[in-house]
């Protein structure tokens, strides 16, 4: 797999990864039960050819104002494009502070009997080390559109991330 980093050099990617590891491991950064980060993964489960995107990965944390958006796609070989964005502070904190209430009514899985060609997964990390995971295909949870709108307000994305 070939890696391409946009918007920053690879050292910034490593700093982001370390910040995410720190925020998910150190409860002192937020109150117990507080959301410290969220990771969205979307996968194409259908037919793919050259130029088709096979996976989107978006990570947002309380500890860093950098959002990582990774896109895997096929160009004769698998290519991973990593784009780092500086997140709007107020929008980032609002997303993380309201996320718990937003997903309160969600079931853990939204898997339909018929696959629509894509799979999504949301993992929420908490200050106490706990995680909540949601996933599905063929169906999205209530208010998934609200979350997508909030994520899109975090930065001026070069390529809009696929979340659900």
N, C-alpha and C. Protein backbone atom coordinates (compact mmCIF):
# COMPACT_ATOMS: atom_id res chain seq x y z
N UNK A 1 0.85 -1.17 0.00
CA UNK A 1 0.00 0.00 0.00
C UNK A 1 0.89 1.23 0.00
N UNK A 2 0.58 2.17 -0.85
CA UNK A 2 1.32 3.41 -0.94
C UNK A 2 0.61 4.43 -0.06
N UNK A 3 1.37 5.20 0.73
CA UNK A 3 0.80 6.23 1.58
C UNK A 3 1.10 7.61 1.04
N UNK A 4 0.09 8.45 1.02
CA UNK A 4 0.24 9.83 0.58
C UNK A 4 -0.31 10.70 1.71
N UNK A 5 0.48 11.61 2.23
CA UNK A 5 0.01 12.51 3.28
C UNK A 5 -0.16 13.90 2.69
N UNK A 6 -1.32 14.48 2.90
CA UNK A 6 -1.61 15.83 2.42
C UNK A 6 -1.84 16.75 3.60
N UNK A 7 -1.55 18.02 3.43
CA UNK A 7 -1.85 19.01 4.45
C UNK A 7 -0.84 19.04 5.58
N UNK A 8 0.05 18.09 5.64
CA UNK A 8 1.07 18.06 6.69
C UNK A 8 2.07 16.97 6.38
N UNK A 9 3.25 17.08 6.98
CA UNK A 9 4.22 16.02 6.77
C UNK A 9 3.91 14.86 7.71
N UNK A 10 4.60 13.76 7.53
CA UNK A 10 4.31 12.53 8.27
C UNK A 10 4.55 12.71 9.77
N UNK A 11 5.43 13.63 10.18
CA UNK A 11 5.65 13.85 11.61
C UNK A 11 4.38 14.37 12.27
N UNK A 12 3.59 15.17 11.56
CA UNK A 12 2.32 15.65 12.12
C UNK A 12 1.32 14.51 12.25
N UNK A 13 1.38 13.56 11.34
CA UNK A 13 0.51 12.39 11.44
C UNK A 13 0.86 11.62 12.71
N UNK A 14 2.16 11.44 12.96
CA UNK A 14 2.59 10.72 14.16
C UNK A 14 2.18 11.46 15.43
N UNK A 15 2.30 12.79 15.43
CA UNK A 15 1.87 13.59 16.58
C UNK A 15 0.38 13.38 16.82
N UNK A 16 -0.42 13.37 15.74
CA UNK A 16 -1.85 13.16 15.88
C UNK A 16 -2.14 11.79 16.47
N UNK A 17 -1.47 10.77 15.97
CA UNK A 17 -1.69 9.40 16.46
C UNK A 17 -1.34 9.33 17.95
N UNK A 18 -0.23 9.94 18.34
CA UNK A 18 0.15 9.94 19.75
C UNK A 18 -0.86 10.70 20.60
N UNK A 19 -1.37 11.82 20.09
CA UNK A 19 -2.39 12.58 20.83
C UNK A 19 -3.64 11.75 21.01
N UNK A 20 -4.05 11.00 19.97
CA UNK A 20 -5.25 10.17 20.09
C UNK A 20 -5.03 9.06 21.11
N UNK A 21 -3.85 8.45 21.09
CA UNK A 21 -3.54 7.40 22.06
C UNK A 21 -3.58 7.98 23.47
N UNK A 22 -3.05 9.18 23.64
CA UNK A 22 -3.02 9.82 24.93
C UNK A 22 -4.43 10.14 25.42
N UNK A 23 -5.25 10.70 24.57
CA UNK A 23 -6.59 11.10 24.98
C UNK A 23 -7.48 9.91 25.31
N UNK A 24 -7.23 8.78 24.71
CA UNK A 24 -8.03 7.61 25.02
C UNK A 24 -7.47 6.85 26.21
N UNK A 25 -6.26 7.17 26.64
CA UNK A 25 -5.63 6.45 27.75
C UNK A 25 -5.56 7.25 29.04
N UNK A 26 -5.64 8.56 28.98
CA UNK A 26 -5.45 9.39 30.17
C UNK A 26 -6.75 10.09 30.55
N UNK A 27 -7.45 9.62 31.58
CA UNK A 27 -8.71 10.21 31.98
C UNK A 27 -8.59 11.64 32.49
N UNK A 28 -7.42 12.09 32.92
CA UNK A 28 -7.26 13.42 33.48
C UNK A 28 -7.54 14.54 32.48
N UNK A 29 -7.56 14.23 31.20
CA UNK A 29 -7.79 15.25 30.19
C UNK A 29 -9.24 15.70 30.12
N UNK A 30 -10.13 14.94 30.70
CA UNK A 30 -11.55 15.30 30.71
C UNK A 30 -12.18 14.64 31.92
N UNK A 31 -13.36 15.06 32.29
CA UNK A 31 -14.05 14.44 33.41
C UNK A 31 -14.44 13.02 33.08
N UNK A 32 -14.57 12.19 34.13
CA UNK A 32 -14.99 10.79 33.91
C UNK A 32 -16.32 10.77 33.19
N UNK A 33 -16.44 9.95 32.17
CA UNK A 33 -17.67 9.86 31.40
C UNK A 33 -17.72 10.81 30.23
N UNK A 34 -16.79 11.79 30.18
CA UNK A 34 -16.77 12.73 29.06
C UNK A 34 -16.25 12.05 27.80
N UNK A 35 -16.79 12.47 26.67
CA UNK A 35 -16.32 11.97 25.38
C UNK A 35 -14.97 12.62 25.07
N UNK A 36 -13.96 11.81 24.82
CA UNK A 36 -12.62 12.33 24.51
C UNK A 36 -12.30 12.24 23.02
N UNK A 37 -13.06 11.42 22.29
CA UNK A 37 -12.80 11.30 20.87
C UNK A 37 -13.82 10.42 20.19
N UNK A 38 -13.84 10.53 18.86
CA UNK A 38 -14.74 9.70 18.07
C UNK A 38 -14.04 9.33 16.76
N UNK A 39 -14.26 8.10 16.33
CA UNK A 39 -13.68 7.60 15.09
C UNK A 39 -14.82 7.08 14.21
N UNK A 40 -14.86 7.57 12.97
CA UNK A 40 -15.84 7.13 11.99
C UNK A 40 -15.11 6.31 10.93
N UNK A 41 -15.64 5.15 10.60
CA UNK A 41 -15.08 4.33 9.52
C UNK A 41 -16.21 3.99 8.56
N UNK A 42 -15.96 4.18 7.28
CA UNK A 42 -16.90 3.81 6.23
C UNK A 42 -16.16 2.93 5.25
N UNK A 43 -16.76 1.80 4.86
CA UNK A 43 -16.12 0.88 3.90
C UNK A 43 -17.06 0.58 2.76
N UNK A 44 -16.50 0.57 1.55
CA UNK A 44 -17.23 0.17 0.35
C UNK A 44 -17.22 -1.35 0.30
N UNK A 45 -18.39 -1.95 0.32
CA UNK A 45 -18.48 -3.40 0.31
C UNK A 45 -18.90 -3.93 -1.06
N UNK A 46 -18.99 -3.03 -2.04
CA UNK A 46 -19.45 -3.42 -3.37
C UNK A 46 -18.29 -3.60 -4.33
N UNK A 47 -18.61 -3.60 -5.60
CA UNK A 47 -17.59 -3.74 -6.65
C UNK A 47 -16.72 -2.50 -6.68
N UNK A 48 -15.43 -2.69 -6.94
CA UNK A 48 -14.50 -1.58 -7.01
C UNK A 48 -13.60 -1.70 -8.22
N UNK A 49 -13.24 -0.56 -8.76
CA UNK A 49 -12.31 -0.51 -9.87
C UNK A 49 -11.36 0.65 -9.64
N UNK A 50 -10.56 0.99 -10.64
CA UNK A 50 -9.60 2.09 -10.50
C UNK A 50 -10.30 3.40 -10.08
N UNK A 51 -9.76 4.05 -9.06
CA UNK A 51 -10.30 5.31 -8.59
C UNK A 51 -11.41 5.17 -7.56
N UNK A 52 -11.89 3.96 -7.33
CA UNK A 52 -12.96 3.76 -6.36
C UNK A 52 -12.41 3.88 -4.94
N UNK A 53 -13.14 4.57 -4.09
CA UNK A 53 -12.76 4.69 -2.69
C UNK A 53 -13.24 3.46 -1.95
N UNK A 54 -12.33 2.80 -1.23
CA UNK A 54 -12.71 1.60 -0.52
C UNK A 54 -12.93 1.84 0.97
N UNK A 55 -12.34 2.91 1.51
CA UNK A 55 -12.52 3.18 2.94
C UNK A 55 -12.25 4.63 3.26
N UNK A 56 -13.06 5.19 4.16
CA UNK A 56 -12.84 6.52 4.75
C UNK A 56 -12.70 6.32 6.25
N UNK A 57 -11.77 7.04 6.85
CA UNK A 57 -11.53 6.98 8.28
C UNK A 57 -11.39 8.42 8.76
N UNK A 58 -12.20 8.83 9.73
CA UNK A 58 -12.14 10.19 10.27
C UNK A 58 -12.02 10.10 11.78
N UNK A 59 -11.04 10.80 12.33
CA UNK A 59 -10.80 10.78 13.76
C UNK A 59 -10.80 12.20 14.31
N UNK A 60 -11.59 12.42 15.37
CA UNK A 60 -11.70 13.72 16.03
C UNK A 60 -11.45 13.50 17.51
N UNK A 61 -10.55 14.29 18.11
CA UNK A 61 -10.27 14.15 19.53
C UNK A 61 -10.39 15.49 20.25
N UNK A 62 -10.59 15.40 21.56
CA UNK A 62 -10.64 16.60 22.40
C UNK A 62 -9.23 17.16 22.59
N UNK A 63 -8.21 16.32 22.59
CA UNK A 63 -6.85 16.74 22.89
C UNK A 63 -6.14 17.44 21.75
N UNK A 64 -6.65 17.32 20.54
CA UNK A 64 -5.96 17.89 19.38
C UNK A 64 -6.94 18.61 18.47
N UNK A 65 -6.49 19.71 17.90
CA UNK A 65 -7.35 20.41 16.94
C UNK A 65 -7.13 19.91 15.52
N UNK A 66 -6.42 18.80 15.38
CA UNK A 66 -6.17 18.21 14.07
C UNK A 66 -7.13 17.05 13.84
N UNK A 67 -7.81 17.08 12.71
CA UNK A 67 -8.69 15.99 12.31
C UNK A 67 -7.94 15.18 11.26
N UNK A 68 -7.92 13.87 11.44
CA UNK A 68 -7.31 13.01 10.42
C UNK A 68 -8.41 12.42 9.56
N UNK A 69 -8.26 12.56 8.24
CA UNK A 69 -9.18 11.95 7.28
C UNK A 69 -8.33 11.09 6.34
N UNK A 70 -8.49 9.80 6.44
CA UNK A 70 -7.77 8.87 5.57
C UNK A 70 -8.74 8.28 4.56
N UNK A 71 -8.26 8.16 3.33
CA UNK A 71 -9.07 7.57 2.27
C UNK A 71 -8.22 6.50 1.58
N UNK A 72 -8.74 5.29 1.54
CA UNK A 72 -8.09 4.21 0.79
C UNK A 72 -8.81 4.09 -0.54
N UNK A 73 -8.04 4.01 -1.62
CA UNK A 73 -8.65 3.83 -2.93
C UNK A 73 -7.71 3.06 -3.84
N UNK A 74 -8.26 2.60 -4.94
CA UNK A 74 -7.50 1.75 -5.87
C UNK A 74 -7.02 2.57 -7.07
N UNK A 75 -5.75 2.51 -7.35
CA UNK A 75 -5.14 3.10 -8.55
C UNK A 75 -4.14 2.09 -9.10
N UNK A 76 -4.62 0.92 -9.43
CA UNK A 76 -3.73 -0.16 -9.86
C UNK A 76 -3.17 -0.89 -8.65
N UNK A 77 -2.94 -0.16 -7.58
CA UNK A 77 -2.56 -0.71 -6.29
C UNK A 77 -3.36 0.06 -5.25
N UNK A 78 -3.39 -0.46 -4.03
CA UNK A 78 -4.11 0.23 -2.96
C UNK A 78 -3.31 1.46 -2.54
N UNK A 79 -3.97 2.61 -2.50
CA UNK A 79 -3.33 3.86 -2.12
C UNK A 79 -4.07 4.42 -0.92
N UNK A 80 -3.33 4.90 0.06
CA UNK A 80 -3.95 5.54 1.22
C UNK A 80 -3.58 7.02 1.20
N UNK A 81 -4.59 7.87 1.17
CA UNK A 81 -4.40 9.31 1.17
C UNK A 81 -4.78 9.80 2.57
N UNK A 82 -3.84 10.43 3.25
CA UNK A 82 -4.08 10.96 4.60
C UNK A 82 -4.09 12.47 4.51
N UNK A 83 -5.21 13.07 4.94
CA UNK A 83 -5.33 14.51 4.91
C UNK A 83 -5.58 14.98 6.34
N UNK A 84 -4.77 15.93 6.79
CA UNK A 84 -4.94 16.51 8.12
C UNK A 84 -5.54 17.90 8.00
N UNK A 85 -6.52 18.17 8.83
CA UNK A 85 -7.20 19.47 8.82
C UNK A 85 -7.14 20.09 10.21
N UNK A 86 -7.06 21.39 10.26
CA UNK A 86 -7.18 22.10 11.52
C UNK A 86 -8.67 22.28 11.77
N UNK A 87 -9.15 21.76 12.90
CA UNK A 87 -10.58 21.80 13.20
C UNK A 87 -10.97 23.13 13.83
N UNK A 88 -12.16 23.58 13.50
CA UNK A 88 -12.74 24.73 14.17
C UNK A 88 -12.96 24.32 15.64
N UNK A 89 -12.39 25.08 16.57
CA UNK A 89 -12.42 24.70 17.99
C UNK A 89 -13.85 24.57 18.51
N UNK A 90 -14.66 25.59 18.31
CA UNK A 90 -16.03 25.58 18.84
C UNK A 90 -16.84 24.42 18.26
N UNK A 91 -16.71 24.16 16.97
CA UNK A 91 -17.46 23.08 16.33
C UNK A 91 -16.98 21.72 16.85
N UNK A 92 -15.67 21.58 17.08
CA UNK A 92 -15.11 20.31 17.57
C UNK A 92 -15.61 20.02 18.99
N UNK A 93 -15.55 21.00 19.86
CA UNK A 93 -15.98 20.81 21.25
C UNK A 93 -17.50 20.57 21.29
N UNK A 94 -18.26 21.29 20.47
CA UNK A 94 -19.71 21.10 20.42
C UNK A 94 -20.05 19.67 19.99
N UNK A 95 -19.36 19.16 18.96
CA UNK A 95 -19.60 17.79 18.52
C UNK A 95 -19.35 16.81 19.66
N UNK A 96 -18.19 16.92 20.30
CA UNK A 96 -17.83 15.97 21.36
C UNK A 96 -18.73 16.11 22.58
N UNK A 97 -19.11 17.35 22.92
CA UNK A 97 -19.97 17.57 24.10
C UNK A 97 -21.40 17.09 23.88
N UNK A 98 -21.89 17.11 22.65
CA UNK A 98 -23.27 16.72 22.40
C UNK A 98 -23.40 15.28 21.90
N UNK A 99 -22.29 14.64 21.62
CA UNK A 99 -22.33 13.31 21.02
C UNK A 99 -23.04 12.28 21.90
N UNK A 100 -22.78 12.30 23.18
CA UNK A 100 -23.39 11.32 24.09
C UNK A 100 -24.92 11.39 24.03
N UNK A 101 -25.48 12.60 24.09
CA UNK A 101 -26.94 12.74 24.01
C UNK A 101 -27.46 12.35 22.63
N UNK A 102 -26.68 12.65 21.60
CA UNK A 102 -27.10 12.36 20.23
C UNK A 102 -27.24 10.86 19.99
N UNK A 103 -26.36 10.06 20.58
CA UNK A 103 -26.38 8.60 20.32
C UNK A 103 -27.12 7.82 21.40
N UNK A 104 -27.69 8.52 22.37
CA UNK A 104 -28.35 7.85 23.50
C UNK A 104 -29.41 6.84 23.05
N UNK A 105 -30.14 7.15 22.00
CA UNK A 105 -31.22 6.27 21.55
C UNK A 105 -30.77 5.23 20.51
N UNK A 106 -29.49 5.22 20.16
CA UNK A 106 -29.01 4.32 19.13
C UNK A 106 -28.91 2.88 19.63
N UNK A 107 -29.19 1.96 18.74
CA UNK A 107 -28.92 0.54 18.99
C UNK A 107 -27.44 0.32 18.66
N UNK A 108 -26.89 -0.79 19.10
CA UNK A 108 -25.46 -1.03 18.81
C UNK A 108 -25.22 -1.42 17.36
N UNK A 109 -26.23 -2.02 16.71
CA UNK A 109 -26.02 -2.34 15.29
C UNK A 109 -27.26 -2.05 14.45
N UNK A 110 -26.97 -1.66 13.23
CA UNK A 110 -27.99 -1.32 12.24
C UNK A 110 -27.75 -2.14 10.98
N UNK A 111 -27.59 -3.43 11.15
CA UNK A 111 -27.32 -4.31 10.02
C UNK A 111 -28.62 -4.85 9.45
N UNK A 112 -28.85 -4.54 8.21
CA UNK A 112 -30.01 -5.03 7.50
C UNK A 112 -29.68 -6.38 6.86
N UNK A 113 -30.70 -7.13 6.48
CA UNK A 113 -30.47 -8.41 5.81
C UNK A 113 -29.90 -8.23 4.42
N UNK A 114 -30.19 -7.08 3.80
CA UNK A 114 -29.67 -6.79 2.47
C UNK A 114 -28.60 -5.71 2.60
N UNK A 115 -27.40 -6.02 2.15
CA UNK A 115 -26.29 -5.07 2.22
C UNK A 115 -26.44 -4.07 1.08
N UNK A 116 -26.30 -2.77 1.39
CA UNK A 116 -26.46 -1.73 0.37
C UNK A 116 -25.15 -1.37 -0.34
N UNK A 117 -24.10 -2.08 -0.02
CA UNK A 117 -22.82 -1.82 -0.68
C UNK A 117 -21.82 -1.08 0.18
N UNK A 118 -22.25 -0.63 1.37
CA UNK A 118 -21.31 0.04 2.26
C UNK A 118 -21.55 -0.38 3.71
N UNK A 119 -20.52 -0.22 4.51
CA UNK A 119 -20.54 -0.55 5.93
C UNK A 119 -20.02 0.67 6.68
N UNK A 120 -20.62 1.02 7.80
CA UNK A 120 -20.13 2.13 8.61
C UNK A 120 -19.96 1.69 10.06
N UNK A 121 -19.07 2.40 10.74
CA UNK A 121 -18.79 2.10 12.16
C UNK A 121 -18.44 3.40 12.86
N UNK A 122 -18.99 3.61 14.05
CA UNK A 122 -18.67 4.77 14.88
C UNK A 122 -18.20 4.24 16.23
N UNK A 123 -17.02 4.70 16.68
CA UNK A 123 -16.50 4.32 17.99
C UNK A 123 -16.28 5.60 18.79
N UNK A 124 -16.94 5.68 19.94
CA UNK A 124 -16.81 6.84 20.82
C UNK A 124 -15.92 6.44 21.99
N UNK A 125 -14.92 7.26 22.28
CA UNK A 125 -13.99 7.02 23.39
C UNK A 125 -14.31 7.97 24.54
N UNK A 126 -14.23 7.44 25.77
CA UNK A 126 -14.54 8.21 26.97
C UNK A 126 -13.30 8.35 27.85
N UNK A 127 -13.33 9.37 28.72
CA UNK A 127 -12.20 9.66 29.59
C UNK A 127 -11.86 8.52 30.54
N UNK A 128 -12.86 7.73 30.92
CA UNK A 128 -12.61 6.63 31.85
C UNK A 128 -12.11 5.37 31.14
N UNK A 129 -11.84 5.47 29.84
CA UNK A 129 -11.33 4.34 29.07
C UNK A 129 -12.41 3.51 28.40
N UNK A 130 -13.66 3.79 28.70
CA UNK A 130 -14.77 3.06 28.09
C UNK A 130 -14.92 3.46 26.62
N UNK A 131 -15.58 2.61 25.87
CA UNK A 131 -15.89 2.87 24.46
C UNK A 131 -17.31 2.42 24.17
N UNK A 132 -17.95 3.09 23.23
CA UNK A 132 -19.23 2.64 22.70
C UNK A 132 -19.04 2.48 21.21
N UNK A 133 -19.55 1.36 20.68
CA UNK A 133 -19.40 1.08 19.25
C UNK A 133 -20.77 0.88 18.62
N UNK A 134 -20.92 1.44 17.43
CA UNK A 134 -22.15 1.32 16.65
C UNK A 134 -21.73 1.00 15.22
N UNK A 135 -22.50 0.13 14.54
CA UNK A 135 -22.16 -0.15 13.15
C UNK A 135 -23.40 -0.60 12.39
N UNK A 136 -23.25 -0.65 11.08
CA UNK A 136 -24.37 -1.10 10.28
C UNK A 136 -24.13 -0.99 8.80
N UNK A 137 -25.10 -1.47 8.05
CA UNK A 137 -25.16 -1.33 6.61
C UNK A 137 -26.62 -1.43 6.20
N UNK A 138 -26.98 -0.69 5.19
CA UNK A 138 -28.36 -0.70 4.74
C UNK A 138 -29.27 0.23 5.51
N UNK A 139 -28.85 0.65 6.68
CA UNK A 139 -29.67 1.51 7.52
C UNK A 139 -28.75 2.37 8.38
N UNK A 140 -29.17 3.60 8.62
CA UNK A 140 -28.40 4.48 9.52
C UNK A 140 -29.24 4.79 10.74
N UNK A 141 -28.59 5.15 11.84
CA UNK A 141 -29.34 5.47 13.05
C UNK A 141 -30.08 6.80 12.93
N UNK A 142 -31.05 7.02 13.83
CA UNK A 142 -31.74 8.31 13.82
C UNK A 142 -30.72 9.43 14.05
N UNK A 143 -30.92 10.54 13.47
CA UNK A 143 -30.08 11.74 13.55
C UNK A 143 -28.63 11.55 13.09
N UNK A 144 -28.36 10.53 12.29
CA UNK A 144 -27.02 10.37 11.71
C UNK A 144 -26.69 11.56 10.82
N UNK A 145 -27.71 12.09 10.16
CA UNK A 145 -27.51 13.26 9.31
C UNK A 145 -27.04 14.48 10.10
N UNK A 146 -27.54 14.65 11.32
CA UNK A 146 -27.10 15.76 12.18
C UNK A 146 -25.61 15.63 12.51
N UNK A 147 -25.19 14.42 12.83
CA UNK A 147 -23.78 14.20 13.15
C UNK A 147 -22.92 14.48 11.92
N UNK A 148 -23.35 14.01 10.77
CA UNK A 148 -22.59 14.26 9.54
C UNK A 148 -22.47 15.76 9.29
N UNK A 149 -23.55 16.51 9.48
CA UNK A 149 -23.50 17.96 9.31
C UNK A 149 -22.50 18.60 10.27
N UNK A 150 -22.51 18.13 11.53
CA UNK A 150 -21.56 18.67 12.51
C UNK A 150 -20.12 18.38 12.11
N UNK A 151 -19.85 17.17 11.63
CA UNK A 151 -18.49 16.81 11.21
C UNK A 151 -18.06 17.68 10.02
N UNK A 152 -18.95 17.88 9.07
CA UNK A 152 -18.61 18.68 7.89
C UNK A 152 -18.33 20.14 8.24
N UNK A 153 -18.85 20.61 9.38
CA UNK A 153 -18.59 21.99 9.83
C UNK A 153 -17.25 22.13 10.55
N UNK A 154 -16.59 21.02 10.83
CA UNK A 154 -15.32 21.06 11.57
C UNK A 154 -14.19 21.69 10.77
N UNK A 155 -14.20 21.49 9.46
CA UNK A 155 -13.10 21.97 8.61
C UNK A 155 -13.60 22.08 7.18
N UNK A 156 -12.80 22.73 6.35
CA UNK A 156 -13.10 22.79 4.91
C UNK A 156 -12.45 21.58 4.26
N UNK A 157 -13.20 20.51 4.19
CA UNK A 157 -12.67 19.26 3.67
C UNK A 157 -12.42 19.33 2.18
N UNK A 158 -11.24 18.88 1.76
CA UNK A 158 -10.90 18.79 0.33
C UNK A 158 -11.81 17.75 -0.33
N UNK A 159 -12.02 16.65 0.36
CA UNK A 159 -12.93 15.58 -0.07
C UNK A 159 -13.86 15.32 1.09
N UNK A 160 -15.15 15.45 0.87
CA UNK A 160 -16.08 15.22 1.98
C UNK A 160 -15.98 13.78 2.47
N UNK A 161 -15.82 13.61 3.77
CA UNK A 161 -15.72 12.24 4.30
C UNK A 161 -17.04 11.51 4.23
N UNK A 162 -16.95 10.22 3.97
CA UNK A 162 -18.13 9.36 4.01
C UNK A 162 -18.17 8.80 5.42
N UNK A 163 -19.27 9.01 6.11
CA UNK A 163 -19.38 8.58 7.50
C UNK A 163 -20.39 7.46 7.69
N UNK A 164 -21.53 7.53 6.99
CA UNK A 164 -22.61 6.56 7.13
C UNK A 164 -23.01 6.05 5.75
